[in-house]
């Protein structure tokens, strides 16, 4: 083998070794880059899922807050409407009571209340009060009941009030108290039982 052939052989072998070593370096670098890329993809997916969860939780909280606020506003409106209706109903009841007070049935009601109060008091001293609006009926009621009546200074709409001072008892058959009690206890059922 000549010197030139040996040099050529050495050059070919060196080139093959250099290519093989270069290919190994490139393959090693490619493997490292692919691992970095894969790790980056995994981290990006993890961050994306974490952000999606956080945004979903935030959106649910905002939705719940909006719903709670809307429900509160609805309850307030419902309360106002119910109060308006309740007031309207009781204004109508008041008109009905005023009409009732013009009837003979009202006089009979007063007489029954007077008699029950007298019976309850027994022999104890009893002061019977009628409403100022019933002053025209005072004499008739006294004659029919056989009891002295006092016209109250306070307007209690209608009915009677009686006081047994010896036992510190108030017998209250006044319309004002009855209406106030009904007003305070009146609650709308919500319409569930309406057909």
Protein backbone atom coordinates (compact mmCIF):
# COMPACT_ATOMS: atom_id res chain seq x y z
CA UNK A 1 0.00 0.00 0.00
CA UNK A 2 1.35 3.32 -0.93
CA UNK A 3 1.56 6.32 1.19
CA UNK A 4 -1.28 7.96 -0.62
CA UNK A 5 -3.44 4.92 -0.18
CA UNK A 6 -2.64 4.85 3.52
CA UNK A 7 -3.47 8.53 3.84
CA UNK A 8 -6.72 7.94 1.97
CA UNK A 9 -7.51 4.95 4.23
CA UNK A 10 -6.77 7.07 7.32
CA UNK A 11 -8.90 9.92 6.01
CA UNK A 12 -11.86 7.60 5.27
CA UNK A 13 -11.61 5.94 8.66
CA UNK A 14 -11.28 9.29 10.44
CA UNK A 15 -14.28 10.64 8.54
CA UNK A 16 -16.35 7.57 9.40
CA UNK A 17 -15.39 7.86 13.07
CA UNK A 18 -16.09 11.61 13.01
CA UNK A 19 -19.48 11.01 11.36
CA UNK A 20 -20.31 8.27 13.85
CA UNK A 21 -19.26 10.48 16.76
CA UNK A 22 -21.17 13.45 15.26
CA UNK A 23 -24.23 11.26 14.77
CA UNK A 24 -23.96 10.07 18.40
CA UNK A 25 -23.69 13.68 19.60
CA UNK A 26 -26.66 14.72 17.42
CA UNK A 27 -28.72 11.70 18.61
CA UNK A 28 -27.83 12.44 22.22
CA UNK A 29 -28.70 16.13 21.76
CA UNK A 30 -31.97 15.19 19.96
CA UNK A 31 -32.89 12.79 22.80
CA UNK A 32 -32.16 15.48 25.38
CA UNK A 33 -34.22 18.06 23.43
CA UNK A 34 -37.11 15.61 23.02
CA UNK A 35 -37.06 14.99 26.80
CA UNK A 36 -37.02 18.75 27.47
CA UNK A 37 -39.90 19.16 25.00
CA UNK A 38 -41.88 16.31 26.61
CA UNK A 39 -41.26 17.73 30.10
CA UNK A 40 -42.34 21.16 28.87
CA UNK A 41 -45.54 19.71 27.37
CA UNK A 42 -46.35 17.88 30.63
CA UNK A 43 -45.72 21.06 32.68
CA UNK A 44 -47.79 23.17 30.26
CA UNK A 45 -50.70 20.69 30.46
CA UNK A 46 -50.46 20.64 34.27
CA UNK A 47 -50.47 24.46 34.43
CA UNK A 48 -53.37 24.59 31.97
CA UNK A 49 -55.42 22.11 34.04
CA UNK A 50 -54.63 24.03 37.25
CA UNK A 51 -55.71 27.29 35.60
CA UNK A 52 -58.88 25.69 34.21
CA UNK A 53 -59.75 24.40 37.70
CA UNK A 54 -59.08 27.81 39.24
CA UNK A 55 -61.13 29.61 36.57
CA UNK A 56 -63.96 27.06 36.92
CA UNK A 57 -64.00 27.53 40.71
CA UNK A 58 -63.93 31.31 40.27
CA UNK A 59 -66.76 31.17 37.72
CA UNK A 60 -68.84 28.98 40.07
CA UNK A 61 -68.24 31.39 42.95
CA UNK A 62 -69.25 34.37 40.80
CA UNK A 63 -72.35 32.49 39.62
CA UNK A 64 -73.27 31.59 43.21
CA UNK A 65 -72.74 35.18 44.36
CA UNK A 66 -74.88 36.47 41.50
CA UNK A 67 -77.58 33.91 42.29
CA UNK A 68 -77.51 34.77 46.00
CA UNK A 69 -77.77 38.47 45.20
CA UNK A 70 -80.64 37.86 42.78
CA UNK A 71 -82.44 35.68 45.33
CA UNK A 72 -81.98 38.34 48.01
CA UNK A 73 -83.36 41.03 45.70
CA UNK A 74 -86.27 38.75 44.79
CA UNK A 75 -87.00 38.09 48.48
CA UNK A 76 -86.93 41.83 49.18
CA UNK A 77 -89.32 42.53 46.31
CA UNK A 78 -91.55 39.67 47.40
CA UNK A 79 -91.54 41.02 50.96
CA UNK A 80 -92.49 44.51 49.76
CA UNK A 81 -95.29 43.17 47.58
CA UNK A 82 -96.58 40.97 50.40
CA UNK A 83 -96.50 43.93 52.80
CA UNK A 84 -98.42 46.07 50.30
CA UNK A 85 -101.00 43.30 49.81
CA UNK A 86 -101.27 42.73 53.56
CA UNK A 87 -101.85 46.44 54.15
CA UNK A 88 -104.45 46.51 51.37
CA UNK A 89 -106.25 43.48 52.80
CA UNK A 90 -106.37 45.01 56.26
CA UNK A 91 -107.61 48.35 54.89
CA UNK A 92 -110.46 46.39 53.31
CA UNK A 93 -111.06 44.52 56.58
CA UNK A 94 -111.19 47.88 58.36
CA UNK A 95 -113.87 49.10 55.92
CA UNK A 96 -115.81 45.87 56.50
CA UNK A 97 -115.55 46.39 60.27
CA UNK A 98 -116.86 49.94 59.87
CA UNK A 99 -119.82 48.62 57.85
CA UNK A 100 -120.44 45.88 60.42
CA UNK A 101 -120.52 48.48 63.20
CA UNK A 102 -123.60 50.02 61.54
CA UNK A 103 -125.64 46.79 61.85
CA UNK A 104 -127.89 45.31 64.52
CA UNK A 105 -125.51 42.34 64.68
CA UNK A 106 -122.84 44.69 66.05
CA UNK A 107 -125.17 45.79 68.88
CA UNK A 108 -125.84 42.14 69.68
CA UNK A 109 -122.09 41.48 69.66
CA UNK A 110 -121.54 44.34 72.13
CA UNK A 111 -124.31 43.02 74.41
CA UNK A 112 -122.78 39.49 74.37
CA UNK A 113 -119.36 40.91 75.23
CA UNK A 114 -120.82 43.03 78.04
CA UNK A 115 -122.72 40.08 79.53
CA UNK A 116 -119.66 37.79 79.33
CA UNK A 117 -117.51 40.41 81.05
CA UNK A 118 -120.09 40.92 83.82
CA UNK A 119 -120.37 37.16 84.29
CA UNK A 120 -116.57 36.80 84.42
CA UNK A 121 -116.22 39.60 86.99
CA UNK A 122 -118.83 38.05 89.27
CA UNK A 123 -119.27 40.32 92.31
CA UNK A 124 -116.06 42.29 91.74
CA UNK A 125 -116.11 45.90 90.63
CA UNK A 126 -116.05 46.13 86.84
CA UNK A 127 -115.60 49.17 84.59
CA UNK A 128 -116.95 48.64 81.07
CA UNK A 129 -115.72 50.89 78.24
CA UNK A 130 -117.32 51.39 74.85
CA UNK A 131 -115.68 53.10 71.90
CA UNK A 132 -116.32 56.85 71.43
CA UNK A 133 -117.90 56.09 68.03
CA UNK A 134 -120.59 54.01 69.85
CA UNK A 135 -121.75 56.84 72.13
CA UNK A 136 -125.22 56.92 70.44
CA UNK A 137 -125.80 53.30 71.55
CA UNK A 138 -124.73 53.88 75.17
CA UNK A 139 -128.20 54.30 76.69
CA UNK A 140 -129.72 51.42 74.70
CA UNK A 141 -126.85 49.09 75.68
CA UNK A 142 -127.11 50.13 79.35
CA UNK A 143 -130.85 49.43 79.38
CA UNK A 144 -130.51 46.04 77.64
CA UNK A 145 -127.52 44.93 79.73
CA UNK A 146 -128.51 46.54 83.02
CA UNK A 147 -124.92 47.78 83.39
CA UNK A 148 -123.39 51.25 83.50
CA UNK A 149 -121.03 51.90 80.54
CA UNK A 150 -118.18 54.40 80.28
CA UNK A 151 -117.20 56.02 76.98
CA UNK A 152 -113.50 55.50 76.51
CA UNK A 153 -111.15 58.43 75.87
CA UNK A 154 -109.17 56.13 73.57
CA UNK A 155 -110.51 55.11 70.16
CA UNK A 156 -110.21 51.34 69.97
CA UNK A 157 -112.23 51.21 66.71
CA UNK A 158 -115.11 49.16 68.12
CA UNK A 159 -116.04 46.44 70.59
CA UNK A 160 -115.66 46.80 74.35
CA UNK A 161 -112.99 46.78 76.99
CA UNK A 162 -113.56 45.93 80.64
CA UNK A 163 -111.29 46.38 83.65
CA UNK A 164 -111.49 44.41 86.89
CA UNK A 165 -109.23 46.54 89.09
CA UNK A 166 -109.38 44.19 92.09
CA UNK A 167 -107.69 41.42 90.09
CA UNK A 168 -105.78 43.73 87.73
CA UNK A 169 -107.49 42.18 84.67
CA UNK A 170 -108.22 43.76 81.29
CA UNK A 171 -110.89 42.06 79.20
CA UNK A 172 -110.25 43.25 75.67
CA UNK A 173 -112.92 42.65 73.02
CA UNK A 174 -111.81 45.68 71.01
CA UNK A 175 -111.51 45.60 67.25
CA UNK A 176 -108.15 47.44 67.41
CA UNK A 177 -106.55 44.64 69.44
CA UNK A 178 -108.19 41.89 67.36
CA UNK A 179 -107.08 43.52 64.11
CA UNK A 180 -103.55 44.15 65.41
CA UNK A 181 -103.24 40.51 66.51
CA UNK A 182 -104.49 39.28 63.14
CA UNK A 183 -102.19 41.70 61.30
CA UNK A 184 -99.16 40.56 63.31
CA UNK A 185 -99.94 36.87 62.74
CA UNK A 186 -100.93 37.18 59.08
CA UNK A 187 -98.54 35.32 56.78
CA UNK A 188 -98.87 34.63 53.07
CA UNK A 189 -98.73 30.91 52.39
CA UNK A 190 -96.79 31.41 49.17
CA UNK A 191 -99.55 30.10 46.91
CA UNK A 192 -98.56 26.45 47.20
CA UNK A 193 -102.02 25.51 48.43
CA UNK A 194 -103.94 27.61 45.87
CA UNK A 195 -105.61 25.63 43.12
